[in-house]
């Protein structure tokens, strides 16, 4: 899973990344991979509005 995330989406390359998905076992699997354990993979709530998601993503880029 970690290799697929890194190869397909570039996750784990020393930048913050977000996961926008419903809560299910697939989401848990993605968040618990070694690529996600670097502290840069941030879960995003799919119920938030676009402005709220933009704020969270922008804020995570400033903090990294």
PDB file of N, CA and C in Angstrom:
ATOM      1  N   UNK A   1       0.827  -1.180   0.000  1.00  0.00           N
ATOM      2  CA  UNK A   1       0.000   0.000   0.000  1.00  0.00           C
ATOM      3  C   UNK A   1       0.878   1.252   0.000  1.00  0.00           C
ATOM      4  N   UNK A   2       1.920   1.245   0.808  1.00  0.00           N
ATOM      5  CA  UNK A   2       2.806   2.416   0.872  1.00  0.00           C
ATOM      6  C   UNK A   2       3.463   2.685  -0.473  1.00  0.00           C
ATOM      7  N   UNK A   3       3.898   1.635  -1.146  1.00  0.00           N
ATOM      8  CA  UNK A   3       4.534   1.807  -2.456  1.00  0.00           C
ATOM      9  C   UNK A   3       3.546   2.341  -3.474  1.00  0.00           C
ATOM     10  N   UNK A   4       2.312   1.872  -3.429  1.00  0.00           N
ATOM     11  CA  UNK A   4       1.291   2.352  -4.357  1.00  0.00           C
ATOM     12  C   UNK A   4       0.974   3.830  -4.103  1.00  0.00           C
ATOM     13  N   UNK A   5       0.863   4.213  -2.845  1.00  0.00           N
ATOM     14  CA  UNK A   5       0.584   5.617  -2.516  1.00  0.00           C
ATOM     15  C   UNK A   5       1.729   6.522  -2.948  1.00  0.00           C
ATOM     16  N   UNK A   6       2.945   6.078  -2.727  1.00  0.00           N
ATOM     17  CA  UNK A   6       4.108   6.889  -3.108  1.00  0.00           C
ATOM     18  C   UNK A   6       4.250   6.958  -4.620  1.00  0.00           C
ATOM     19  N   UNK A   7       4.068   5.837  -5.301  1.00  0.00           N
ATOM     20  CA  UNK A   7       4.251   5.808  -6.746  1.00  0.00           C
ATOM     21  C   UNK A   7       3.134   6.492  -7.506  1.00  0.00           C
ATOM     22  N   UNK A   8       1.903   6.238  -7.112  1.00  0.00           N
ATOM     23  CA  UNK A   8       0.753   6.763  -7.848  1.00  0.00           C
ATOM     24  C   UNK A   8       0.427   8.213  -7.499  1.00  0.00           C
ATOM     25  N   UNK A   9       0.556   8.573  -6.211  1.00  0.00           N
ATOM     26  CA  UNK A   9       0.131   9.894  -5.761  1.00  0.00           C
ATOM     27  C   UNK A   9       1.248  10.751  -5.182  1.00  0.00           C
ATOM     28  N   UNK A  10       2.436  10.193  -5.012  1.00  0.00           N
ATOM     29  CA  UNK A  10       3.543  10.965  -4.466  1.00  0.00           C
ATOM     30  C   UNK A  10       3.450  11.205  -2.973  1.00  0.00           C
ATOM     31  N   UNK A  11       2.653  10.417  -2.279  1.00  0.00           N
ATOM     32  CA  UNK A  11       2.491  10.596  -0.832  1.00  0.00           C
ATOM     33  C   UNK A  11       3.740  10.121  -0.116  1.00  0.00           C
ATOM     34  N   UNK A  12       4.184  10.880   0.878  1.00  0.00           N
ATOM     35  CA  UNK A  12       5.338  10.510   1.673  1.00  0.00           C
ATOM     36  C   UNK A  12       6.615  11.187   1.233  1.00  0.00           C
ATOM     37  N   UNK A  13       6.522  12.181   0.401  1.00  0.00           N
ATOM     38  CA  UNK A  13       7.717  12.867  -0.096  1.00  0.00           C
ATOM     39  C   UNK A  13       7.954  14.186   0.639  1.00  0.00           C
ATOM     40  N   UNK A  14       7.918  14.129   1.946  1.00  0.00           N
ATOM     41  CA  UNK A  14       8.241  15.284   2.800  1.00  0.00           C
ATOM     42  C   UNK A  14       7.364  16.505   2.530  1.00  0.00           C
ATOM     43  N   UNK A  15       6.090  16.264   2.296  1.00  0.00           N
ATOM     44  CA  UNK A  15       5.142  17.349   2.156  1.00  0.00           C
ATOM     45  C   UNK A  15       3.833  16.879   2.767  1.00  0.00           C
ATOM     46  N   UNK A  16       3.011  17.780   3.223  1.00  0.00           N
ATOM     47  CA  UNK A  16       1.734  17.356   3.803  1.00  0.00           C
ATOM     48  C   UNK A  16       0.779  16.885   2.714  1.00  0.00           C
ATOM     49  N   UNK A  17       0.078  15.829   2.999  1.00  0.00           N
ATOM     50  CA  UNK A  17      -0.926  15.293   2.094  1.00  0.00           C
ATOM     51  C   UNK A  17      -2.204  15.075   2.879  1.00  0.00           C
ATOM     52  N   UNK A  18      -3.310  15.086   2.203  1.00  0.00           N
ATOM     53  CA  UNK A  18      -4.591  14.882   2.860  1.00  0.00           C
ATOM     54  C   UNK A  18      -5.345  13.729   2.229  1.00  0.00           C
ATOM     55  N   UNK A  19      -6.214  13.120   3.036  1.00  0.00           N
ATOM     56  CA  UNK A  19      -7.076  12.047   2.566  1.00  0.00           C
ATOM     57  C   UNK A  19      -8.508  12.496   2.804  1.00  0.00           C
ATOM     58  N   UNK A  20      -9.248  12.655   1.718  1.00  0.00           N
ATOM     59  CA  UNK A  20     -10.655  13.021   1.797  1.00  0.00           C
ATOM     60  C   UNK A  20     -11.463  11.797   1.402  1.00  0.00           C
ATOM     61  N   UNK A  21     -12.083  11.152   2.381  1.00  0.00           N
ATOM     62  CA  UNK A  21     -12.809   9.911   2.113  1.00  0.00           C
ATOM     63  C   UNK A  21     -13.843   9.673   3.206  1.00  0.00           C
ATOM     64  N   UNK A  22     -14.790   8.816   2.895  1.00  0.00           N
ATOM     65  CA  UNK A  22     -15.745   8.382   3.912  1.00  0.00           C
ATOM     66  C   UNK A  22     -15.017   7.519   4.937  1.00  0.00           C
ATOM     67  N   UNK A  23     -15.598   7.414   6.110  1.00  0.00           N
ATOM     68  CA  UNK A  23     -15.005   6.559   7.134  1.00  0.00           C
ATOM     69  C   UNK A  23     -15.367   5.111   6.856  1.00  0.00           C
ATOM     70  N   UNK A  24     -14.367   4.330   6.485  1.00  0.00           N
ATOM     71  CA  UNK A  24     -14.542   2.894   6.307  1.00  0.00           C
ATOM     72  C   UNK A  24     -13.181   2.225   6.468  1.00  0.00           C
ATOM     73  N   UNK A  25     -13.139   0.931   6.302  1.00  0.00           N
ATOM     74  CA  UNK A  25     -11.884   0.210   6.534  1.00  0.00           C
ATOM     75  C   UNK A  25     -10.809   0.578   5.520  1.00  0.00           C
ATOM     76  N   UNK A  26     -11.185   0.954   4.307  1.00  0.00           N
ATOM     77  CA  UNK A  26     -10.192   1.357   3.314  1.00  0.00           C
ATOM     78  C   UNK A  26      -9.474   2.630   3.746  1.00  0.00           C
ATOM     79  N   UNK A  27     -10.219   3.566   4.299  1.00  0.00           N
ATOM     80  CA  UNK A  27      -9.615   4.806   4.790  1.00  0.00           C
ATOM     81  C   UNK A  27      -8.628   4.507   5.910  1.00  0.00           C
ATOM     82  N   UNK A  28      -9.011   3.630   6.820  1.00  0.00           N
ATOM     83  CA  UNK A  28      -8.118   3.251   7.912  1.00  0.00           C
ATOM     84  C   UNK A  28      -6.841   2.619   7.380  1.00  0.00           C
ATOM     85  N   UNK A  29      -6.981   1.781   6.369  1.00  0.00           N
ATOM     86  CA  UNK A  29      -5.812   1.112   5.784  1.00  0.00           C
ATOM     87  C   UNK A  29      -4.841   2.132   5.182  1.00  0.00           C
ATOM     88  N   UNK A  30      -5.365   3.120   4.474  1.00  0.00           N
ATOM     89  CA  UNK A  30      -4.520   4.149   3.871  1.00  0.00           C
ATOM     90  C   UNK A  30      -3.805   4.955   4.952  1.00  0.00           C
ATOM     91  N   UNK A  31      -4.527   5.321   6.009  1.00  0.00           N
ATOM     92  CA  UNK A  31      -3.942   6.152   7.055  1.00  0.00           C
ATOM     93  C   UNK A  31      -2.940   5.399   7.913  1.00  0.00           C
ATOM     94  N   UNK A  32      -2.961   4.084   7.892  1.00  0.00           N
ATOM     95  CA  UNK A  32      -2.047   3.318   8.740  1.00  0.00           C
ATOM     96  C   UNK A  32      -0.856   2.744   7.973  1.00  0.00           C
ATOM     97  N   UNK A  33      -0.667   3.157   6.729  1.00  0.00           N
ATOM     98  CA  UNK A  33       0.478   2.676   5.952  1.00  0.00           C
ATOM     99  C   UNK A  33       1.746   3.415   6.369  1.00  0.00           C
ATOM    100  N   UNK A  34       2.895   2.856   6.093  1.00  0.00           N
ATOM    101  CA  UNK A  34       4.150   3.552   6.416  1.00  0.00           C
ATOM    102  C   UNK A  34       4.260   4.925   5.765  1.00  0.00           C
ATOM    103  N   UNK A  35       3.714   5.104   4.563  1.00  0.00           N
ATOM    104  CA  UNK A  35       3.769   6.423   3.919  1.00  0.00           C
ATOM    105  C   UNK A  35       2.952   7.431   4.712  1.00  0.00           C
ATOM    106  N   UNK A  36       1.862   6.959   5.305  1.00  0.00           N
ATOM    107  CA  UNK A  36       1.029   7.850   6.088  1.00  0.00           C
ATOM    108  C   UNK A  36       1.538   8.070   7.492  1.00  0.00           C
ATOM    109  N   UNK A  37       2.418   7.205   7.975  1.00  0.00           N
ATOM    110  CA  UNK A  37       2.897   7.330   9.347  1.00  0.00           C
ATOM    111  C   UNK A  37       4.020   8.349   9.485  1.00  0.00           C
ATOM    112  N   UNK A  38       4.395   8.999   8.388  1.00  0.00           N
ATOM    113  CA  UNK A  38       5.460   9.999   8.463  1.00  0.00           C
ATOM    114  C   UNK A  38       4.992  11.285   9.131  1.00  0.00           C
ATOM    115  N   UNK A  39       3.701  11.345   9.486  1.00  0.00           N
ATOM    116  CA  UNK A  39       3.184  12.534  10.134  1.00  0.00           C
ATOM    117  C   UNK A  39       2.720  13.591   9.157  1.00  0.00           C
ATOM    118  N   UNK A  40       2.729  13.266   7.870  1.00  0.00           N
ATOM    119  CA  UNK A  40       2.338  14.244   6.861  1.00  0.00           C
ATOM    120  C   UNK A  40       1.010  13.923   6.198  1.00  0.00           C
ATOM    121  N   UNK A  41       0.396  12.821   6.538  1.00  0.00           N
ATOM    122  CA  UNK A  41      -0.879  12.445   5.944  1.00  0.00           C
ATOM    123  C   UNK A  41      -1.991  12.876   6.883  1.00  0.00           C
ATOM    124  N   UNK A  42      -2.798  13.805   6.420  1.00  0.00           N
ATOM    125  CA  UNK A  42      -3.842  14.363   7.273  1.00  0.00           C
ATOM    126  C   UNK A  42      -5.219  13.929   6.802  1.00  0.00           C
ATOM    127  N   UNK A  43      -6.023  13.362   7.708  1.00  0.00           N
ATOM    128  CA  UNK A  43      -7.381  12.993   7.317  1.00  0.00           C
ATOM    129  C   UNK A  43      -8.248  14.245   7.218  1.00  0.00           C
ATOM    130  N   UNK A  44      -9.080  14.286   6.207  1.00  0.00           N
ATOM    131  CA  UNK A  44     -10.000  15.401   6.001  1.00  0.00           C
ATOM    132  C   UNK A  44     -11.424  14.870   6.068  1.00  0.00           C
ATOM    133  N   UNK A  45     -12.287  15.584   6.753  1.00  0.00           N
ATOM    134  CA  UNK A  45     -13.669  15.168   6.921  1.00  0.00           C
ATOM    135  C   UNK A  45     -14.459  15.474   5.657  1.00  0.00           C
ATOM    136  N   UNK A  46     -15.082  14.484   5.064  1.00  0.00           N
ATOM    137  CA  UNK A  46     -15.809  14.661   3.815  1.00  0.00           C
ATOM    138  C   UNK A  46     -17.076  15.490   3.991  1.00  0.00           C
ATOM    139  N   UNK A  47     -17.464  15.766   5.219  1.00  0.00           N
ATOM    140  CA  UNK A  47     -18.662  16.564   5.471  1.00  0.00           C
ATOM    141  C   UNK A  47     -18.368  18.067   5.529  1.00  0.00           C
ATOM    142  N   UNK A  48     -17.107  18.446   5.502  1.00  0.00           N
ATOM    143  CA  UNK A  48     -16.754  19.861   5.560  1.00  0.00           C
ATOM    144  C   UNK A  48     -17.037  20.546   4.222  1.00  0.00           C
ATOM    145  N   UNK A  49     -17.215  21.849   4.283  1.00  0.00           N
ATOM    146  CA  UNK A  49     -17.425  22.623   3.061  1.00  0.00           C
ATOM    147  C   UNK A  49     -16.079  22.862   2.378  1.00  0.00           C
ATOM    148  N   UNK A  50     -16.132  23.280   1.125  1.00  0.00           N
ATOM    149  CA  UNK A  50     -14.909  23.558   0.368  1.00  0.00           C
ATOM    150  C   UNK A  50     -14.059  24.628   1.063  1.00  0.00           C
ATOM    151  N   UNK A  51     -14.630  25.747   1.524  1.00  0.00           N
ATOM    152  CA  UNK A  51     -13.785  26.730   2.217  1.00  0.00           C
ATOM    153  C   UNK A  51     -13.115  26.168   3.479  1.00  0.00           C
ATOM    154  N   UNK A  52     -13.809  25.316   4.210  1.00  0.00           N
ATOM    155  CA  UNK A  52     -13.210  24.711   5.401  1.00  0.00           C
ATOM    156  C   UNK A  52     -12.049  23.785   5.023  1.00  0.00           C
ATOM    157  N   UNK A  53     -12.236  22.997   3.978  1.00  0.00           N
ATOM    158  CA  UNK A  53     -11.162  22.106   3.518  1.00  0.00           C
ATOM    159  C   UNK A  53      -9.970  22.910   3.010  1.00  0.00           C
ATOM    160  N   UNK A  54     -10.232  24.000   2.281  1.00  0.00           N
ATOM    161  CA  UNK A  54      -9.151  24.851   1.790  1.00  0.00           C
ATOM    162  C   UNK A  54      -8.349  25.446   2.942  1.00  0.00           C
ATOM    163  N   UNK A  55      -9.032  25.847   4.008  1.00  0.00           N
ATOM    164  CA  UNK A  55      -8.334  26.390   5.170  1.00  0.00           C
ATOM    165  C   UNK A  55      -7.437  25.337   5.806  1.00  0.00           C
ATOM    166  N   UNK A  56      -7.966  24.129   5.999  1.00  0.00           N
ATOM    167  CA  UNK A  56      -7.186  23.058   6.636  1.00  0.00           C
ATOM    168  C   UNK A  56      -5.956  22.716   5.804  1.00  0.00           C
ATOM    169  N   UNK A  57      -6.139  22.561   4.512  1.00  0.00           N
ATOM    170  CA  UNK A  57      -5.000  22.224   3.638  1.00  0.00           C
ATOM    171  C   UNK A  57      -3.974  23.359   3.621  1.00  0.00           C
ATOM    172  N   UNK A  58      -4.452  24.597   3.520  1.00  0.00           N
ATOM    173  CA  UNK A  58      -3.530  25.740   3.536  1.00  0.00           C
ATOM    174  C   UNK A  58      -2.779  25.854   4.842  1.00  0.00           C
ATOM    175  N   UNK A  59      -3.470  25.621   5.940  1.00  0.00           N
ATOM    176  CA  UNK A  59      -2.842  25.696   7.254  1.00  0.00           C
ATOM    177  C   UNK A  59      -1.818  24.583   7.444  1.00  0.00           C
ATOM    178  N   UNK A  60      -2.089  23.400   6.917  1.00  0.00           N
ATOM    179  CA  UNK A  60      -1.132  22.293   7.072  1.00  0.00           C
ATOM    180  C   UNK A  60       0.126  22.539   6.250  1.00  0.00           C
ATOM    181  N   UNK A  61       0.019  23.248   5.129  1.00  0.00           N
ATOM    182  CA  UNK A  61       1.202  23.571   4.343  1.00  0.00           C
ATOM    183  C   UNK A  61       2.084  24.582   5.084  1.00  0.00           C
ATOM    184  N   UNK A  62       1.482  25.508   5.802  1.00  0.00           N
ATOM    185  CA  UNK A  62       2.259  26.499   6.558  1.00  0.00           C
ATOM    186  C   UNK A  62       2.967  25.877   7.747  1.00  0.00           C
ATOM    187  N   UNK A  63       2.397  24.830   8.317  1.00  0.00           N
ATOM    188  CA  UNK A  63       2.949  24.210   9.528  1.00  0.00           C
ATOM    189  C   UNK A  63       4.001  23.155   9.233  1.00  0.00           C
ATOM    190  N   UNK A  64       4.138  22.733   8.004  1.00  0.00           N
ATOM    191  CA  UNK A  64       5.073  21.644   7.687  1.00  0.00           C
ATOM    192  C   UNK A  64       6.460  22.147   7.430  1.00  0.00           C
TER     193      UNK A  64
END
